[in-house]
Amino acid sequence: MDRLLDIVVKHKKSVVVVFLIFALLSGIFSLLVSVNFNIVDYLPQKAQSTKALDIMEKEFKEEMPNARVMIKNVTIQETLEYKEKISGIEGVSSVGWLDDVIGIDILTTTPIEFIDDSLLDNYYKNGNALITVTVESGLEESTIKEVKELIGPSNAVDGEAVNRAETQEMSISEVLKAMTILVPVIIIILAISTTSWIEPLLFLVTIGIAIAINMGTNVFFKDISFITQAISPILQLAVSLDYAIFLLHSFKDYLGRFEPEDAMKLAIKRALPTVAASAATTLVGFLALVAMRFEIGSDLGMNLVKGILLSFVSVMLFLPAL
């Protein structure tokens, strides 16, 4: 223990450089993390809905359409042209319309008045065409964006793929919004409760390094859910910030009586049991999520457990080096 403390205190620059390198690499790796936006994948295997989906996949080999595109004030020929353009968009695996039901030859040669209304109304009504589209999983955001650009703002697109596309877009933007609110509030609270303006910044940098490493190390998992990606950084920041506060308060208590290096060693020894106990309590709480049948709990729980351990290490090793 004493030898480790000597390394941390006497080789501050080396410790800081090592953590910064890990954080930088993790930032790069975080871009390679596969994020799963399909909530169905996390349903329990024994759930009736999961069994039903498995049966449907076995019985029907083709994917079910997951988006509908409505184009206003178009002719039959114009609709066929739109269909062709949509099918050429990357991420679109299939496009369906009336010509797939009655045949393109019949559709283009038969007057529309002679087509059965009960069939026609499902695809073409009052000059408006309704096209079904199947979008590949994981490509919803870029694909739906291209579809919207193609059809223009006067037309519409909806369906499960659209919902996933919006979720993919919001999972990043909403986290940034939450952070822009949370970080200033934390800084204000810490500035009021501490004696130096630099202390809140040290706390945030320390936990920020741990968050960056946690997000980067997710690359070793097959994938993580979009819920984990959105919630994990915020929860990690919220629950582990007090570790740094414990250590800094201990350091201040010793600083008036000892040299800074000796004061930091004593502070780490004193704060270690308290911080470890706090971290252990949090770990147990997050480990309880792993027992959930809904596998989002396991995904989020394991990610937060890893995050708390990294925050603990960052506070005990990186913060003293600062």
C-alpha atoms as a PDB file:
ATOM      1  CA  MET A   1       0.000   0.000   0.000  1.00  0.00           C
ATOM      2  CA  ASP A   2       2.726   2.467   1.002  1.00  0.00           C
ATOM      3  CA  ARG A   3       4.724   1.632  -2.112  1.00  0.00           C
ATOM      4  CA  LEU A   4       1.721   2.327  -4.336  1.00  0.00           C
ATOM      5  CA  LEU A   5       1.127   5.633  -2.573  1.00  0.00           C
ATOM      6  CA  ASP A   6       4.770   6.581  -3.090  1.00  0.00           C
ATOM      7  CA  ILE A   7       4.416   5.924  -6.819  1.00  0.00           C
ATOM      8  CA  VAL A   8       1.240   8.010  -7.064  1.00  0.00           C
ATOM      9  CA  VAL A   9       2.628  10.933  -5.085  1.00  0.00           C
ATOM     10  CA  LYS A  10       6.198  10.960  -6.415  1.00  0.00           C
ATOM     11  CA  HIS A  11       5.391  10.218 -10.061  1.00  0.00           C
ATOM     12  CA  LYS A  12       2.398  12.489 -10.546  1.00  0.00           C
ATOM     13  CA  LYS A  13       3.097  13.380 -14.158  1.00  0.00           C
ATOM     14  CA  SER A  14       3.457   9.741 -15.165  1.00  0.00           C
ATOM     15  CA  VAL A  15       0.179   8.817 -13.470  1.00  0.00           C
ATOM     16  CA  VAL A  16      -1.643  11.706 -15.157  1.00  0.00           C
ATOM     17  CA  VAL A  17      -0.194  10.808 -18.561  1.00  0.00           C
ATOM     18  CA  VAL A  18      -1.212   7.149 -18.195  1.00  0.00           C
ATOM     19  CA  PHE A  19      -4.796   8.068 -17.299  1.00  0.00           C
ATOM     20  CA  LEU A  20      -5.000  10.617 -20.120  1.00  0.00           C
ATOM     21  CA  ILE A  21      -3.754   8.035 -22.619  1.00  0.00           C
ATOM     22  CA  PHE A  22      -6.369   5.550 -21.416  1.00  0.00           C
ATOM     23  CA  ALA A  23      -9.041   8.245 -21.650  1.00  0.00           C
ATOM     24  CA  LEU A  24      -7.963   9.207 -25.172  1.00  0.00           C
ATOM     25  CA  LEU A  25      -7.942   5.600 -26.370  1.00  0.00           C
ATOM     26  CA  SER A  26     -11.288   5.016 -24.704  1.00  0.00           C
ATOM     27  CA  GLY A  27     -12.708   8.044 -26.478  1.00  0.00           C
ATOM     28  CA  ILE A  28     -11.679   6.490 -29.790  1.00  0.00           C
ATOM     29  CA  PHE A  29     -12.980   3.045 -28.813  1.00  0.00           C
ATOM     30  CA  SER A  30     -16.310   4.536 -27.721  1.00  0.00           C
ATOM     31  CA  LEU A  31     -16.975   5.386 -31.371  1.00  0.00           C
ATOM     32  CA  LEU A  32     -16.674   1.674 -32.176  1.00  0.00           C
ATOM     33  CA  VAL A  33     -19.148   0.523 -29.518  1.00  0.00           C
ATOM     34  CA  SER A  34     -22.186  -1.181 -31.031  1.00  0.00           C
ATOM     35  CA  VAL A  35     -25.405   0.302 -29.654  1.00  0.00           C
ATOM     36  CA  ASN A  36     -28.574  -1.814 -29.793  1.00  0.00           C
ATOM     37  CA  PHE A  37     -31.747   0.209 -30.322  1.00  0.00           C
ATOM     38  CA  ASN A  38     -34.022  -2.832 -30.543  1.00  0.00           C
ATOM     39  CA  ILE A  39     -35.711  -3.184 -27.157  1.00  0.00           C
ATOM     40  CA  VAL A  40     -37.158  -6.547 -28.236  1.00  0.00           C
ATOM     41  CA  ASP A  41     -33.703  -8.151 -28.000  1.00  0.00           C
ATOM     42  CA  TYR A  42     -33.766  -7.639 -24.224  1.00  0.00           C
ATOM     43  CA  LEU A  43     -37.081  -9.359 -23.569  1.00  0.00           C
ATOM     44  CA  PRO A  44     -36.928 -12.563 -21.476  1.00  0.00           C
ATOM     45  CA  GLN A  45     -36.566 -15.685 -23.615  1.00  0.00           C
ATOM     46  CA  LYS A  46     -39.570 -17.279 -21.903  1.00  0.00           C
ATOM     47  CA  ALA A  47     -41.834 -14.275 -22.416  1.00  0.00           C
ATOM     48  CA  GLN A  48     -44.880 -14.923 -24.617  1.00  0.00           C
ATOM     49  CA  SER A  49     -44.020 -12.000 -26.869  1.00  0.00           C
ATOM     50  CA  THR A  50     -40.529 -13.421 -27.477  1.00  0.00           C
ATOM     51  CA  LYS A  51     -41.950 -16.838 -28.336  1.00  0.00           C
ATOM     52  CA  ALA A  52     -44.448 -15.234 -30.699  1.00  0.00           C
ATOM     53  CA  LEU A  53     -41.691 -13.319 -32.482  1.00  0.00           C
ATOM     54  CA  ASP A  54     -39.620 -16.496 -32.853  1.00  0.00           C
ATOM     55  CA  ILE A  55     -42.583 -18.321 -34.408  1.00  0.00           C
ATOM     56  CA  MET A  56     -43.231 -15.476 -36.848  1.00  0.00           C
ATOM     57  CA  GLU A  57     -39.574 -15.419 -37.910  1.00  0.00           C
ATOM     58  CA  LYS A  58     -39.662 -19.169 -38.583  1.00  0.00           C
ATOM     59  CA  GLU A  59     -42.952 -19.060 -40.491  1.00  0.00           C
ATOM     60  CA  PHE A  60     -42.275 -15.906 -42.489  1.00  0.00           C
ATOM     61  CA  LYS A  61     -38.766 -15.686 -43.898  1.00  0.00           C
ATOM     62  CA  GLU A  62     -39.094 -12.124 -45.177  1.00  0.00           C
ATOM     63  CA  GLU A  63     -38.741  -9.225 -42.774  1.00  0.00           C
ATOM     64  CA  MET A  64     -41.887  -7.387 -41.790  1.00  0.00           C
ATOM     65  CA  PRO A  65     -42.168  -3.805 -43.116  1.00  0.00           C
ATOM     66  CA  ASN A  66     -41.267  -1.355 -40.363  1.00  0.00           C
ATOM     67  CA  ALA A  67     -42.040   1.965 -42.042  1.00  0.00           C
ATOM     68  CA  ARG A  68     -44.802   3.530 -44.125  1.00  0.00           C
ATOM     69  CA  VAL A  69     -44.279   6.378 -46.564  1.00  0.00           C
ATOM     70  CA  MET A  70     -47.220   8.532 -47.654  1.00  0.00           C
ATOM     71  CA  ILE A  71     -46.771  10.664 -50.751  1.00  0.00           C
ATOM     72  CA  LYS A  72     -49.450  13.224 -51.552  1.00  0.00           C
ATOM     73  CA  ASN A  73     -50.887  14.200 -54.928  1.00  0.00           C
ATOM     74  CA  VAL A  74     -49.057  11.712 -57.127  1.00  0.00           C
ATOM     75  CA  THR A  75     -50.028   9.594 -60.095  1.00  0.00           C
ATOM     76  CA  ILE A  76     -49.516   5.845 -60.379  1.00  0.00           C
ATOM     77  CA  GLN A  77     -46.424   6.365 -62.526  1.00  0.00           C
ATOM     78  CA  GLU A  78     -44.959   8.958 -60.146  1.00  0.00           C
ATOM     79  CA  THR A  79     -45.507   6.588 -57.224  1.00  0.00           C
ATOM     80  CA  LEU A  80     -43.630   3.828 -59.051  1.00  0.00           C
ATOM     81  CA  GLU A  81     -40.751   6.251 -59.601  1.00  0.00           C
ATOM     82  CA  TYR A  82     -40.707   7.144 -55.901  1.00  0.00           C
ATOM     83  CA  LYS A  83     -40.748   3.452 -55.046  1.00  0.00           C
ATOM     84  CA  GLU A  84     -37.726   2.854 -57.276  1.00  0.00           C
ATOM     85  CA  LYS A  85     -35.812   5.738 -55.697  1.00  0.00           C
ATOM     86  CA  ILE A  86     -36.632   4.592 -52.151  1.00  0.00           C
ATOM     87  CA  SER A  87     -35.463   1.046 -52.907  1.00  0.00           C
ATOM     88  CA  GLY A  88     -32.095   2.488 -53.960  1.00  0.00           C
ATOM     89  CA  ILE A  89     -31.453   4.108 -50.574  1.00  0.00           C
ATOM     90  CA  GLU A  90     -28.799   2.348 -48.493  1.00  0.00           C
ATOM     91  CA  GLY A  91     -30.424   0.526 -45.585  1.00  0.00           C
ATOM     92  CA  VAL A  92     -33.694  -0.208 -47.386  1.00  0.00           C
ATOM     93  CA  SER A  93     -34.028  -3.964 -47.826  1.00  0.00           C
ATOM     94  CA  SER A  94     -37.456  -4.022 -49.497  1.00  0.00           C
ATOM     95  CA  VAL A  95     -40.230  -1.721 -50.699  1.00  0.00           C
ATOM     96  CA  GLY A  96     -43.827  -2.770 -51.230  1.00  0.00           C
ATOM     97  CA  TRP A  97     -46.758  -1.212 -53.041  1.00  0.00           C
ATOM     98  CA  LEU A  98     -49.814  -2.033 -55.142  1.00  0.00           C
ATOM     99  CA  ASP A  99     -47.769  -3.300 -58.105  1.00  0.00           C
ATOM    100  CA  ASP A 100     -46.432  -6.122 -55.921  1.00  0.00           C
ATOM    101  CA  VAL A 101     -50.005  -7.282 -55.278  1.00  0.00           C
ATOM    102  CA  ILE A 102     -51.663  -7.124 -58.705  1.00  0.00           C
ATOM    103  CA  GLY A 103     -48.581  -6.973 -60.926  1.00  0.00           C
ATOM    104  CA  ILE A 104     -47.001  -3.965 -62.572  1.00  0.00           C
ATOM    105  CA  ASP A 105     -48.401  -4.792 -66.027  1.00  0.00           C
ATOM    106  CA  ILE A 106     -51.979  -4.817 -64.769  1.00  0.00           C
ATOM    107  CA  LEU A 107     -51.406  -1.688 -62.704  1.00  0.00           C
ATOM    108  CA  THR A 108     -49.995   0.329 -65.609  1.00  0.00           C
ATOM    109  CA  THR A 109     -52.495  -0.844 -68.253  1.00  0.00           C
ATOM    110  CA  THR A 110     -55.746  -1.088 -66.294  1.00  0.00           C
ATOM    111  CA  PRO A 111     -57.751   2.104 -65.618  1.00  0.00           C
ATOM    112  CA  ILE A 112     -57.747   2.824 -61.915  1.00  0.00           C
ATOM    113  CA  GLU A 113     -61.554   2.772 -61.855  1.00  0.00           C
ATOM    114  CA  PHE A 114     -61.514  -0.955 -62.667  1.00  0.00           C
ATOM    115  CA  ILE A 115     -59.306  -1.918 -59.715  1.00  0.00           C
ATOM    116  CA  ASP A 116     -61.124  -3.256 -56.651  1.00  0.00           C
ATOM    117  CA  ASP A 117     -61.644  -0.338 -54.240  1.00  0.00           C
ATOM    118  CA  SER A 118     -61.145  -2.517 -51.142  1.00  0.00           C
ATOM    119  CA  LEU A 119     -57.671  -3.365 -52.436  1.00  0.00           C
ATOM    120  CA  LEU A 120     -56.841  -0.004 -53.987  1.00  0.00           C
ATOM    121  CA  ASP A 121     -57.688   2.017 -50.880  1.00  0.00           C
ATOM    122  CA  ASN A 122     -54.957   0.233 -48.928  1.00  0.00           C
ATOM    123  CA  TYR A 123     -52.299   1.642 -51.258  1.00  0.00           C
ATOM    124  CA  TYR A 124     -53.734   4.568 -53.229  1.00  0.00           C
ATOM    125  CA  LYS A 125     -56.566   6.876 -52.242  1.00  0.00           C
ATOM    126  CA  ASN A 126     -57.564  10.377 -53.338  1.00  0.00           C
ATOM    127  CA  GLY A 127     -54.292  10.820 -55.173  1.00  0.00           C
ATOM    128  CA  ASN A 128     -52.197   9.847 -52.130  1.00  0.00           C
ATOM    129  CA  ALA A 129     -49.929   6.785 -52.216  1.00  0.00           C
ATOM    130  CA  LEU A 130     -48.954   4.642 -49.219  1.00  0.00           C
ATOM    131  CA  ILE A 131     -45.728   2.672 -49.637  1.00  0.00           C
ATOM    132  CA  THR A 132     -44.422   0.103 -47.144  1.00  0.00           C
ATOM    133  CA  VAL A 133     -40.678  -0.013 -46.493  1.00  0.00           C
ATOM    134  CA  THR A 134     -38.412  -2.432 -44.635  1.00  0.00           C
ATOM    135  CA  VAL A 135     -35.350  -0.772 -43.098  1.00  0.00           C
ATOM    136  CA  GLU A 136     -32.354  -2.814 -41.947  1.00  0.00           C
ATOM    137  CA  SER A 137     -31.784  -2.930 -38.201  1.00  0.00           C
ATOM    138  CA  GLY A 138     -29.146  -0.490 -36.989  1.00  0.00           C
ATOM    139  CA  LEU A 139     -29.398   1.765 -40.061  1.00  0.00           C
ATOM    140  CA  GLU A 140     -32.683   3.430 -39.187  1.00  0.00           C
ATOM    141  CA  GLU A 141     -31.344   6.920 -38.481  1.00  0.00           C
ATOM    142  CA  SER A 142     -29.424   7.429 -41.732  1.00  0.00           C
ATOM    143  CA  THR A 143     -31.985   5.592 -43.866  1.00  0.00           C
ATOM    144  CA  ILE A 144     -35.046   7.439 -42.580  1.00  0.00           C
ATOM    145  CA  LYS A 145     -33.173  10.720 -42.953  1.00  0.00           C
ATOM    146  CA  GLU A 146     -32.565   9.979 -46.654  1.00  0.00           C
ATOM    147  CA  VAL A 147     -36.181   8.914 -47.155  1.00  0.00           C
ATOM    148  CA  LYS A 148     -37.409  12.186 -45.644  1.00  0.00           C
ATOM    149  CA  GLU A 149     -35.044  14.178 -47.852  1.00  0.00           C
ATOM    150  CA  LEU A 150     -36.344  12.312 -50.905  1.00  0.00           C
ATOM    151  CA  ILE A 151     -40.077  12.761 -50.287  1.00  0.00           C
ATOM    152  CA  GLY A 152     -39.835  16.309 -48.920  1.00  0.00           C
ATOM    153  CA  PRO A 153     -41.514  18.006 -45.931  1.00  0.00           C
ATOM    154  CA  SER A 154     -45.006  17.941 -47.461  1.00  0.00           C
ATOM    155  CA  ASN A 155     -45.128  14.141 -47.268  1.00  0.00           C
ATOM    156  CA  ALA A 156     -44.882  11.812 -44.269  1.00  0.00           C
ATOM    157  CA  VAL A 157     -43.183   8.683 -42.964  1.00  0.00           C
ATOM    158  CA  ASP A 158     -44.002   6.701 -39.816  1.00  0.00           C
ATOM    159  CA  GLY A 159     -43.542   3.288 -38.244  1.00  0.00           C
ATOM    160  CA  GLU A 160     -41.195   1.389 -35.955  1.00  0.00           C
ATOM    161  CA  ALA A 161     -38.126   2.322 -38.009  1.00  0.00           C
ATOM    162  CA  VAL A 162     -38.977   6.011 -37.604  1.00  0.00           C
ATOM    163  CA  ASN A 163     -39.319   5.559 -33.847  1.00  0.00           C
ATOM    164  CA  ARG A 164     -35.923   3.859 -33.700  1.00  0.00           C
ATOM    165  CA  ALA A 165     -34.362   6.591 -35.841  1.00  0.00           C
ATOM    166  CA  GLU A 166     -35.658   9.258 -33.476  1.00  0.00           C
ATOM    167  CA  THR A 167     -34.428   7.218 -30.510  1.00  0.00           C
ATOM    168  CA  GLN A 168     -30.948   6.949 -32.037  1.00  0.00           C
ATOM    169  CA  GLU A 169     -30.835  10.695 -32.598  1.00  0.00           C
ATOM    170  CA  MET A 170     -32.229  11.587 -29.177  1.00  0.00           C
ATOM    171  CA  SER A 171     -29.996   9.163 -27.248  1.00  0.00           C
ATOM    172  CA  ILE A 172     -27.057  11.465 -27.951  1.00  0.00           C
ATOM    173  CA  SER A 173     -28.758  14.863 -27.941  1.00  0.00           C
ATOM    174  CA  GLU A 174     -30.668  14.209 -24.712  1.00  0.00           C
ATOM    175  CA  VAL A 175     -27.503  13.134 -22.870  1.00  0.00           C
ATOM    176  CA  LEU A 176     -25.786  16.330 -23.970  1.00  0.00           C
ATOM    177  CA  LYS A 177     -28.774  18.367 -22.803  1.00  0.00           C
ATOM    178  CA  ALA A 178     -28.779  16.589 -19.445  1.00  0.00           C
ATOM    179  CA  MET A 179     -25.052  17.169 -19.032  1.00  0.00           C
ATOM    180  CA  THR A 180     -25.370  20.868 -19.874  1.00  0.00           C
ATOM    181  CA  ILE A 181     -27.840  21.152 -17.007  1.00  0.00           C
ATOM    182  CA  LEU A 182     -26.209  18.746 -14.549  1.00  0.00           C
ATOM    183  CA  VAL A 183     -22.594  19.921 -14.798  1.00  0.00           C
ATOM    184  CA  PRO A 184     -23.265  23.632 -14.080  1.00  0.00           C
ATOM    185  CA  VAL A 185     -25.543  22.702 -11.164  1.00  0.00           C
ATOM    186  CA  ILE A 186     -22.828  20.448  -9.716  1.00  0.00           C
ATOM    187  CA  ILE A 187     -20.210  23.169 -10.152  1.00  0.00           C
ATOM    188  CA  ILE A 188     -22.410  25.711  -8.357  1.00  0.00           C
ATOM    189  CA  ILE A 189     -23.146  23.339  -5.461  1.00  0.00           C
ATOM    190  CA  LEU A 190     -19.492  22.348  -5.096  1.00  0.00           C
ATOM    191  CA  ALA A 191     -18.325  25.953  -5.384  1.00  0.00           C
ATOM    192  CA  ILE A 192     -20.602  26.882  -2.481  1.00  0.00           C
ATOM    193  CA  SER A 193     -19.488  23.950  -0.332  1.00  0.00           C
ATOM    194  CA  THR A 194     -15.742  24.185  -1.069  1.00  0.00           C
ATOM    195  CA  THR A 195     -13.135  26.866  -0.424  1.00  0.00           C
ATOM    196  CA  SER A 196     -11.577  27.010  -3.893  1.00  0.00           C
ATOM    197  CA  TRP A 197     -13.051  27.401  -7.374  1.00  0.00           C
ATOM    198  CA  ILE A 198     -10.566  24.874  -8.760  1.00  0.00           C
ATOM    199  CA  GLU A 199     -11.839  22.002  -6.602  1.00  0.00           C
ATOM    200  CA  PRO A 200     -15.106  21.431  -8.531  1.00  0.00           C
ATOM    201  CA  LEU A 201     -13.130  21.299 -11.769  1.00  0.00           C
ATOM    202  CA  LEU A 202     -10.738  18.719 -10.299  1.00  0.00           C
ATOM    203  CA  PHE A 203     -13.707  16.603  -9.211  1.00  0.00           C
ATOM    204  CA  LEU A 204     -15.334  16.759 -12.639  1.00  0.00           C
ATOM    205  CA  VAL A 205     -12.094  16.010 -14.484  1.00  0.00           C
ATOM    206  CA  THR A 206     -11.446  12.992 -12.251  1.00  0.00           C
ATOM    207  CA  ILE A 207     -14.906  11.497 -12.701  1.00  0.00           C
ATOM    208  CA  GLY A 208     -14.941  12.554 -16.360  1.00  0.00           C
ATOM    209  CA  ILE A 209     -11.817  10.485 -16.984  1.00  0.00           C
ATOM    210  CA  ALA A 210     -13.514   7.476 -15.370  1.00  0.00           C
ATOM    211  CA  ILE A 211     -16.654   8.002 -17.471  1.00  0.00           C
ATOM    212  CA  ALA A 212     -14.612   8.220 -20.681  1.00  0.00           C
ATOM    213  CA  ILE A 213     -12.751   4.995 -19.876  1.00  0.00           C
ATOM    214  CA  ASN A 214     -16.002   3.268 -18.933  1.00  0.00           C
ATOM    215  CA  MET A 215     -17.660   4.204 -22.221  1.00  0.00           C
ATOM    216  CA  GLY A 216     -14.604   3.159 -24.212  1.00  0.00           C
ATOM    217  CA  THR A 217     -14.269  -0.236 -22.546  1.00  0.00           C
ATOM    218  CA  ASN A 218     -17.815  -1.060 -23.668  1.00  0.00           C
ATOM    219  CA  VAL A 219     -16.165  -2.009 -26.957  1.00  0.00           C
ATOM    220  CA  PHE A 220     -15.343  -5.374 -25.361  1.00  0.00           C
ATOM    221  CA  PHE A 221     -19.066  -6.157 -25.113  1.00  0.00           C
ATOM    222  CA  LYS A 222     -21.062  -7.450 -28.063  1.00  0.00           C
ATOM    223  CA  ASP A 223     -23.236  -4.359 -27.792  1.00  0.00           C
ATOM    224  CA  ILE A 224     -24.933  -2.130 -25.229  1.00  0.00           C
ATOM    225  CA  SER A 225     -28.486  -0.860 -25.174  1.00  0.00           C
ATOM    226  CA  PHE A 226     -29.292   2.713 -26.095  1.00  0.00           C
ATOM    227  CA  ILE A 227     -30.723   3.115 -22.585  1.00  0.00           C
ATOM    228  CA  THR A 228     -27.362   2.182 -21.054  1.00  0.00           C
ATOM    229  CA  GLN A 229     -25.548   4.537 -23.399  1.00  0.00           C
ATOM    230  CA  ALA A 230     -27.829   7.419 -22.431  1.00  0.00           C
ATOM    231  CA  ILE A 231     -28.175   6.842 -18.687  1.00  0.00           C
ATOM    232  CA  SER A 232     -24.862   5.326 -17.592  1.00  0.00           C
ATOM    233  CA  PRO A 233     -22.643   8.463 -17.821  1.00  0.00           C
ATOM    234  CA  ILE A 234     -25.150  10.577 -15.885  1.00  0.00           C
ATOM    235  CA  LEU A 235     -25.636   8.000 -13.128  1.00  0.00           C
ATOM    236  CA  GLN A 236     -21.902   7.361 -12.840  1.00  0.00           C
ATOM    237  CA  LEU A 237     -21.254  11.068 -12.386  1.00  0.00           C
ATOM    238  CA  ALA A 238     -24.047  11.469  -9.859  1.00  0.00           C
ATOM    239  CA  VAL A 239     -23.228   8.515  -7.607  1.00  0.00           C
ATOM    240  CA  SER A 240     -19.420   8.663  -7.598  1.00  0.00           C
ATOM    241  CA  LEU A 241     -18.741  12.370  -7.195  1.00  0.00           C
ATOM    242  CA  ASP A 242     -18.755  12.093  -3.403  1.00  0.00           C
ATOM    243  CA  TYR A 243     -15.689   9.800  -3.525  1.00  0.00           C
ATOM    244  CA  ALA A 244     -13.569  12.750  -4.618  1.00  0.00           C
ATOM    245  CA  ILE A 245     -15.123  14.975  -1.953  1.00  0.00           C
ATOM    246  CA  PHE A 246     -14.208  12.489   0.804  1.00  0.00           C
ATOM    247  CA  LEU A 247     -10.588  12.380  -0.342  1.00  0.00           C
ATOM    248  CA  LEU A 248     -10.192  16.132  -0.676  1.00  0.00           C
ATOM    249  CA  HIS A 249     -11.656  16.812   2.770  1.00  0.00           C
ATOM    250  CA  SER A 250      -9.221  14.329   4.298  1.00  0.00           C
ATOM    251  CA  PHE A 251      -6.355  15.987   2.441  1.00  0.00           C
ATOM    252  CA  LYS A 252      -7.314  19.406   3.815  1.00  0.00           C
ATOM    253  CA  ASP A 253      -7.363  18.057   7.364  1.00  0.00           C
ATOM    254  CA  TYR A 254      -3.755  16.882   7.074  1.00  0.00           C
ATOM    255  CA  LEU A 255      -2.396  19.689   4.899  1.00  0.00           C
ATOM    256  CA  GLY A 256      -1.894  22.143   7.750  1.00  0.00           C
ATOM    257  CA  ARG A 257       0.201  19.678   9.752  1.00  0.00           C
ATOM    258  CA  PHE A 258       2.206  17.849   7.079  1.00  0.00           C
ATOM    259  CA  GLU A 259       3.956  18.442   3.789  1.00  0.00           C
ATOM    260  CA  PRO A 260       1.619  18.132   0.759  1.00  0.00           C
ATOM    261  CA  GLU A 261       2.973  14.726  -0.313  1.00  0.00           C
ATOM    262  CA  ASP A 262       2.742  13.259   3.191  1.00  0.00           C
ATOM    263  CA  ALA A 263      -0.676  14.849   3.678  1.00  0.00           C
ATOM    264  CA  MET A 264      -1.954  13.213   0.500  1.00  0.00           C
ATOM    265  CA  LYS A 265      -0.648   9.782   1.545  1.00  0.00           C
ATOM    266  CA  LEU A 266      -2.377  10.063   4.907  1.00  0.00           C
ATOM    267  CA  ALA A 267      -5.538  11.370   3.235  1.00  0.00           C
ATOM    268  CA  ILE A 268      -5.698   8.384   0.885  1.00  0.00           C
ATOM    269  CA  LYS A 269      -5.240   5.956   3.785  1.00  0.00           C
ATOM    270  CA  ARG A 270      -7.927   7.715   5.786  1.00  0.00           C
ATOM    271  CA  ALA A 271     -10.431   8.092   2.937  1.00  0.00           C
ATOM    272  CA  LEU A 272      -9.906   4.624   1.464  1.00  0.00           C
ATOM    273  CA  PRO A 273     -12.186   2.696   3.880  1.00  0.00           C
ATOM    274  CA  THR A 274     -14.951   5.303   3.605  1.00  0.00           C
ATOM    275  CA  VAL A 275     -14.793   5.541  -0.171  1.00  0.00           C
ATOM    276  CA  ALA A 276     -14.529   1.755  -0.532  1.00  0.00           C
ATOM    277  CA  ALA A 277     -17.578   1.256   1.693  1.00  0.00           C
ATOM    278  CA  SER A 278     -19.556   3.821  -0.290  1.00  0.00           C
ATOM    279  CA  ALA A 279     -18.515   2.235  -3.583  1.00  0.00           C
ATOM    280  CA  ALA A 280     -19.344  -1.262  -2.312  1.00  0.00           C
ATOM    281  CA  THR A 281     -22.831  -0.159  -1.286  1.00  0.00           C
ATOM    282  CA  THR A 282     -23.424   1.326  -4.717  1.00  0.00           C
ATOM    283  CA  LEU A 283     -22.029  -1.780  -6.416  1.00  0.00           C
ATOM    284  CA  VAL A 284     -24.424  -4.054  -4.560  1.00  0.00           C
ATOM    285  CA  GLY A 285     -27.326  -1.875  -5.623  1.00  0.00           C
ATOM    286  CA  PHE A 286     -26.319  -1.974  -9.276  1.00  0.00           C
ATOM    287  CA  LEU A 287     -25.569  -5.702  -9.140  1.00  0.00           C
ATOM    288  CA  ALA A 288     -29.188  -6.218  -8.123  1.00  0.00           C
ATOM    289  CA  LEU A 289     -30.154  -4.983 -11.592  1.00  0.00           C
ATOM    290  CA  VAL A 290     -28.375  -7.995 -13.080  1.00  0.00           C
ATOM    291  CA  ALA A 291     -31.032 -10.268 -11.581  1.00  0.00           C
ATOM    292  CA  MET A 292     -33.793  -8.634 -13.636  1.00  0.00           C
ATOM    293  CA  ARG A 293     -35.484 -10.876 -16.215  1.00  0.00           C
ATOM    294  CA  PHE A 294     -35.688  -7.878 -18.510  1.00  0.00           C
ATOM    295  CA  GLU A 295     -32.094  -7.884 -19.769  1.00  0.00           C
ATOM    296  CA  ILE A 296     -31.865  -4.104 -19.957  1.00  0.00           C
ATOM    297  CA  GLY A 297     -31.297  -4.330 -16.185  1.00  0.00           C
ATOM    298  CA  SER A 298     -28.334  -6.665 -16.624  1.00  0.00           C
ATOM    299  CA  ASP A 299     -26.885  -4.516 -19.389  1.00  0.00           C
ATOM    300  CA  LEU A 300     -27.192  -1.307 -17.370  1.00  0.00           C
ATOM    301  CA  GLY A 301     -26.132  -2.949 -14.092  1.00  0.00           C
ATOM    302  CA  MET A 302     -22.890  -4.423 -15.439  1.00  0.00           C
ATOM    303  CA  ASN A 303     -21.995  -1.152 -17.133  1.00  0.00           C
ATOM    304  CA  LEU A 304     -22.537   0.845 -13.946  1.00  0.00           C
ATOM    305  CA  VAL A 305     -20.603  -1.667 -11.830  1.00  0.00           C
ATOM    306  CA  LYS A 306     -17.666  -1.226 -14.191  1.00  0.00           C
ATOM    307  CA  GLY A 307     -18.135   2.530 -14.043  1.00  0.00           C
ATOM    308  CA  ILE A 308     -18.122   2.660 -10.234  1.00  0.00           C
ATOM    309  CA  LEU A 309     -14.933   0.587 -10.063  1.00  0.00           C
ATOM    310  CA  LEU A 310     -13.264   2.904 -12.560  1.00  0.00           C
ATOM    311  CA  SER A 311     -14.434   5.969 -10.622  1.00  0.00           C
ATOM    312  CA  PHE A 312     -13.001   4.481  -7.436  1.00  0.00           C
ATOM    313  CA  VAL A 313      -9.630   3.839  -9.096  1.00  0.00           C
ATOM    314  CA  SER A 314      -9.631   7.284 -10.701  1.00  0.00           C
ATOM    315  CA  VAL A 315     -10.302   9.042  -7.389  1.00  0.00           C
ATOM    316  CA  MET A 316      -7.700   7.033  -5.482  1.00  0.00           C
ATOM    317  CA  LEU A 317      -4.941   7.301  -8.112  1.00  0.00           C
ATOM    318  CA  PHE A 318      -5.655  10.075 -10.617  1.00  0.00           C
ATOM    319  CA  LEU A 319      -7.017  12.790  -8.306  1.00  0.00           C
ATOM    320  CA  PRO A 320      -3.999  12.684  -5.927  1.00  0.00           C
ATOM    321  CA  ALA A 321      -1.716  13.089  -8.940  1.00  0.00           C
ATOM    322  CA  LEU A 322      -3.504  16.294  -9.892  1.00  0.00           C
END
